[in-house]
Amino acid sequence: MAKQFVLVSYDISKNKRRLKIMKTLEGFGSRVQYSVFECQLKPAQLIEMRKKLYHLAKEEDSVRLYYLSTNDVKRIEIFGNGEVTAEDLFYLH
């Protein structure tokens, strides 16, 4: 099953809630900037992440999910330090 590349950004006013959202996102992707995560998710993982973020975020917060196609991901440009999060590969011996 194909994975979806999702860029998640957030702006959370309360420290405790911001920490909960950050910890939640660490379970789904890689932190690439202070409030930005890159995630490569199977459909079930995406549903789970969205559900968790929906329940954590409040009306005064902003959590944004950007869905990028494979072609869009190939076009990401980075100036300075960093790499686009690569899909994890597992090798069995």
N, C-alpha and C. Protein backbone atom coordinates (compact mmCIF):
# COMPACT_ATOMS: atom_id res chain seq x y z
N MET A 1 0.84 -1.18 0.00
CA MET A 1 0.00 0.00 0.00
C MET A 1 0.89 1.25 0.00
N ALA A 2 0.59 2.19 -0.84
CA ALA A 2 1.41 3.40 -0.99
C ALA A 2 1.29 4.29 0.24
N LYS A 3 2.39 4.95 0.53
CA LYS A 3 2.41 5.90 1.64
C LYS A 3 2.17 7.30 1.12
N GLN A 4 1.60 8.13 1.97
CA GLN A 4 1.33 9.53 1.66
C GLN A 4 2.35 10.39 2.37
N PHE A 5 2.98 11.31 1.64
CA PHE A 5 3.90 12.27 2.25
C PHE A 5 3.07 13.44 2.75
N VAL A 6 3.18 13.72 4.04
CA VAL A 6 2.40 14.80 4.66
C VAL A 6 3.36 15.71 5.42
N LEU A 7 3.27 16.99 5.13
CA LEU A 7 4.02 18.00 5.87
C LEU A 7 3.06 18.57 6.91
N VAL A 8 3.46 18.53 8.18
CA VAL A 8 2.61 19.01 9.27
C VAL A 8 3.29 20.20 9.92
N SER A 9 2.56 21.31 10.03
CA SER A 9 3.08 22.46 10.75
C SER A 9 2.06 22.83 11.83
N TYR A 10 2.56 23.44 12.89
CA TYR A 10 1.65 23.80 13.97
C TYR A 10 2.11 25.07 14.66
N ASP A 11 1.13 25.79 15.20
CA ASP A 11 1.35 26.99 16.00
C ASP A 11 0.41 26.86 17.18
N ILE A 12 0.96 26.49 18.33
CA ILE A 12 0.17 26.18 19.51
C ILE A 12 0.52 27.18 20.61
N SER A 13 -0.48 27.81 21.18
CA SER A 13 -0.24 28.87 22.16
C SER A 13 0.19 28.36 23.54
N LYS A 14 -0.27 27.23 23.95
CA LYS A 14 0.02 26.71 25.30
C LYS A 14 1.16 25.70 25.26
N ASN A 15 2.16 25.89 26.13
CA ASN A 15 3.34 25.02 26.15
C ASN A 15 2.99 23.55 26.35
N LYS A 16 2.11 23.25 27.30
CA LYS A 16 1.77 21.86 27.60
C LYS A 16 1.14 21.18 26.40
N ARG A 17 0.21 21.86 25.74
CA ARG A 17 -0.45 21.30 24.57
C ARG A 17 0.52 21.19 23.39
N ARG A 18 1.39 22.20 23.24
CA ARG A 18 2.39 22.16 22.17
C ARG A 18 3.30 20.94 22.35
N LEU A 19 3.70 20.66 23.57
CA LEU A 19 4.55 19.50 23.85
C LEU A 19 3.82 18.20 23.52
N LYS A 20 2.54 18.11 23.85
CA LYS A 20 1.76 16.90 23.54
C LYS A 20 1.67 16.68 22.03
N ILE A 21 1.44 17.75 21.30
CA ILE A 21 1.35 17.64 19.84
C ILE A 21 2.70 17.26 19.25
N MET A 22 3.77 17.86 19.75
CA MET A 22 5.11 17.53 19.27
C MET A 22 5.42 16.05 19.55
N LYS A 23 5.13 15.57 20.74
CA LYS A 23 5.38 14.16 21.09
C LYS A 23 4.54 13.23 20.23
N THR A 24 3.31 13.61 19.95
CA THR A 24 2.45 12.80 19.08
C THR A 24 3.05 12.70 17.70
N LEU A 25 3.48 13.82 17.15
CA LEU A 25 4.04 13.83 15.80
C LEU A 25 5.36 13.06 15.72
N GLU A 26 6.14 13.04 16.80
CA GLU A 26 7.38 12.26 16.80
C GLU A 26 7.11 10.78 16.53
N GLY A 27 5.92 10.31 16.85
CA GLY A 27 5.55 8.93 16.60
C GLY A 27 5.15 8.66 15.16
N PHE A 28 5.05 9.71 14.36
CA PHE A 28 4.59 9.55 12.98
C PHE A 28 5.57 10.05 11.93
N GLY A 29 6.53 10.88 12.32
CA GLY A 29 7.41 11.45 11.31
C GLY A 29 8.67 12.03 11.90
N SER A 30 9.36 12.82 11.09
CA SER A 30 10.63 13.43 11.47
C SER A 30 10.47 14.93 11.61
N ARG A 31 10.98 15.44 12.71
CA ARG A 31 10.95 16.89 12.93
C ARG A 31 12.03 17.53 12.07
N VAL A 32 11.63 18.46 11.20
CA VAL A 32 12.59 19.09 10.30
C VAL A 32 12.82 20.56 10.65
N GLN A 33 11.91 21.15 11.39
CA GLN A 33 12.07 22.49 11.94
C GLN A 33 11.31 22.53 13.25
N TYR A 34 11.41 23.62 13.97
CA TYR A 34 10.84 23.68 15.32
C TYR A 34 9.38 23.21 15.36
N SER A 35 8.55 23.67 14.46
CA SER A 35 7.13 23.31 14.46
C SER A 35 6.70 22.68 13.15
N VAL A 36 7.60 21.92 12.53
CA VAL A 36 7.31 21.30 11.23
C VAL A 36 7.81 19.85 11.23
N PHE A 37 6.93 18.95 10.79
CA PHE A 37 7.27 17.54 10.67
C PHE A 37 7.01 17.06 9.25
N GLU A 38 7.85 16.16 8.77
CA GLU A 38 7.62 15.45 7.52
C GLU A 38 7.26 14.02 7.88
N CYS A 39 6.16 13.54 7.31
CA CYS A 39 5.66 12.21 7.64
C CYS A 39 5.39 11.44 6.35
N GLN A 40 5.74 10.16 6.34
CA GLN A 40 5.38 9.26 5.25
C GLN A 40 4.51 8.19 5.87
N LEU A 41 3.23 8.23 5.56
CA LEU A 41 2.26 7.44 6.30
C LEU A 41 1.42 6.52 5.43
N LYS A 42 1.19 5.32 5.95
CA LYS A 42 0.20 4.43 5.35
C LYS A 42 -1.17 5.00 5.68
N PRO A 43 -2.20 4.64 4.93
CA PRO A 43 -3.54 5.20 5.17
C PRO A 43 -4.01 5.07 6.63
N ALA A 44 -3.79 3.93 7.25
CA ALA A 44 -4.23 3.73 8.63
C ALA A 44 -3.45 4.64 9.59
N GLN A 45 -2.17 4.85 9.32
CA GLN A 45 -1.37 5.75 10.15
C GLN A 45 -1.85 7.19 10.02
N LEU A 46 -2.18 7.58 8.80
CA LEU A 46 -2.67 8.94 8.56
C LEU A 46 -3.98 9.18 9.31
N ILE A 47 -4.87 8.21 9.26
CA ILE A 47 -6.14 8.32 9.98
C ILE A 47 -5.88 8.46 11.48
N GLU A 48 -4.99 7.63 12.01
CA GLU A 48 -4.66 7.67 13.43
C GLU A 48 -4.05 9.02 13.83
N MET A 49 -3.10 9.52 13.03
CA MET A 49 -2.46 10.80 13.33
C MET A 49 -3.48 11.93 13.31
N ARG A 50 -4.32 11.97 12.29
CA ARG A 50 -5.33 13.03 12.18
C ARG A 50 -6.28 13.01 13.38
N LYS A 51 -6.68 11.82 13.78
CA LYS A 51 -7.59 11.69 14.92
C LYS A 51 -6.94 12.22 16.20
N LYS A 52 -5.69 11.87 16.43
CA LYS A 52 -4.98 12.33 17.63
C LYS A 52 -4.80 13.85 17.61
N LEU A 53 -4.40 14.40 16.47
CA LEU A 53 -4.21 15.84 16.38
C LEU A 53 -5.53 16.59 16.54
N TYR A 54 -6.59 16.05 15.98
CA TYR A 54 -7.91 16.67 16.09
C TYR A 54 -8.32 16.80 17.56
N HIS A 55 -8.06 15.76 18.34
CA HIS A 55 -8.47 15.77 19.75
C HIS A 55 -7.55 16.63 20.62
N LEU A 56 -6.30 16.83 20.19
CA LEU A 56 -5.37 17.64 20.98
C LEU A 56 -5.50 19.14 20.71
N ALA A 57 -5.71 19.50 19.46
CA ALA A 57 -5.73 20.92 19.08
C ALA A 57 -7.02 21.59 19.55
N LYS A 58 -6.88 22.83 19.96
CA LYS A 58 -8.03 23.63 20.39
C LYS A 58 -8.31 24.72 19.35
N GLU A 59 -9.42 25.42 19.53
CA GLU A 59 -9.85 26.42 18.55
C GLU A 59 -8.80 27.51 18.32
N GLU A 60 -8.06 27.88 19.36
CA GLU A 60 -7.07 28.96 19.23
C GLU A 60 -5.75 28.48 18.60
N ASP A 61 -5.62 27.18 18.39
CA ASP A 61 -4.40 26.61 17.80
C ASP A 61 -4.50 26.55 16.28
N SER A 62 -3.37 26.27 15.66
CA SER A 62 -3.35 26.04 14.22
C SER A 62 -2.47 24.83 13.93
N VAL A 63 -3.08 23.79 13.38
CA VAL A 63 -2.35 22.60 12.93
C VAL A 63 -2.71 22.43 11.47
N ARG A 64 -1.68 22.38 10.62
CA ARG A 64 -1.90 22.29 9.18
C ARG A 64 -1.25 21.04 8.62
N LEU A 65 -1.97 20.33 7.76
CA LEU A 65 -1.45 19.15 7.08
C LEU A 65 -1.43 19.45 5.59
N TYR A 66 -0.26 19.31 4.99
CA TYR A 66 -0.09 19.51 3.55
C TYR A 66 0.24 18.17 2.93
N TYR A 67 -0.59 17.73 1.98
CA TYR A 67 -0.42 16.45 1.33
C TYR A 67 0.35 16.67 0.04
N LEU A 68 1.51 16.01 -0.07
CA LEU A 68 2.35 16.19 -1.25
C LEU A 68 2.40 14.90 -2.06
N SER A 69 2.30 15.04 -3.36
CA SER A 69 2.42 13.89 -4.25
C SER A 69 3.90 13.53 -4.41
N THR A 70 4.17 12.39 -4.97
CA THR A 70 5.55 11.96 -5.21
C THR A 70 6.30 12.99 -6.04
N ASN A 71 5.64 13.55 -7.05
CA ASN A 71 6.28 14.57 -7.89
C ASN A 71 6.58 15.83 -7.09
N ASP A 72 5.67 16.21 -6.20
CA ASP A 72 5.90 17.40 -5.36
C ASP A 72 7.08 17.18 -4.43
N VAL A 73 7.17 16.00 -3.84
CA VAL A 73 8.27 15.69 -2.92
C VAL A 73 9.61 15.78 -3.65
N LYS A 74 9.66 15.32 -4.88
CA LYS A 74 10.90 15.37 -5.67
C LYS A 74 11.33 16.81 -5.94
N ARG A 75 10.39 17.74 -5.88
CA ARG A 75 10.68 19.15 -6.20
C ARG A 75 11.00 19.99 -4.96
N ILE A 76 11.03 19.39 -3.79
CA ILE A 76 11.34 20.14 -2.57
C ILE A 76 12.77 20.66 -2.65
N GLU A 77 12.94 21.93 -2.38
CA GLU A 77 14.27 22.54 -2.36
C GLU A 77 14.63 22.90 -0.92
N ILE A 78 15.87 22.63 -0.56
CA ILE A 78 16.36 22.98 0.77
C ILE A 78 17.61 23.82 0.59
N PHE A 79 17.62 24.97 1.21
CA PHE A 79 18.80 25.84 1.22
C PHE A 79 19.38 25.77 2.62
N GLY A 80 20.64 25.46 2.71
CA GLY A 80 21.26 25.31 4.02
C GLY A 80 21.23 23.87 4.46
N ASN A 81 21.06 23.67 5.74
CA ASN A 81 21.16 22.35 6.36
C ASN A 81 19.85 21.58 6.26
N GLY A 82 19.93 20.28 6.01
CA GLY A 82 18.75 19.42 6.07
C GLY A 82 18.57 18.58 4.83
N GLU A 83 17.73 17.57 4.98
CA GLU A 83 17.37 16.67 3.90
C GLU A 83 15.88 16.39 3.98
N VAL A 84 15.29 16.05 2.85
CA VAL A 84 13.90 15.62 2.83
C VAL A 84 13.86 14.26 3.50
N THR A 85 12.88 14.05 4.35
CA THR A 85 12.75 12.79 5.06
C THR A 85 12.54 11.66 4.06
N ALA A 86 13.42 10.68 4.10
CA ALA A 86 13.33 9.53 3.21
C ALA A 86 12.47 8.46 3.84
N GLU A 87 11.83 7.68 3.00
CA GLU A 87 11.04 6.55 3.49
C GLU A 87 11.97 5.54 4.13
N ASP A 88 11.57 5.02 5.28
CA ASP A 88 12.39 4.01 5.96
C ASP A 88 12.39 2.73 5.15
N LEU A 89 13.57 2.18 4.96
CA LEU A 89 13.71 0.90 4.27
C LEU A 89 14.20 -0.14 5.26
N PHE A 90 13.64 -1.32 5.20
CA PHE A 90 14.05 -2.38 6.09
C PHE A 90 14.57 -3.55 5.27
N TYR A 91 15.69 -4.09 5.69
CA TYR A 91 16.28 -5.21 5.01
C TYR A 91 16.32 -6.41 5.95
N LEU A 92 15.84 -7.54 5.48
CA LEU A 92 15.88 -8.75 6.28
C LEU A 92 17.01 -9.62 5.75
N HIS A 93 17.80 -10.14 6.67
CA HIS A 93 18.92 -11.02 6.29
C HIS A 93 18.59 -12.44 6.61
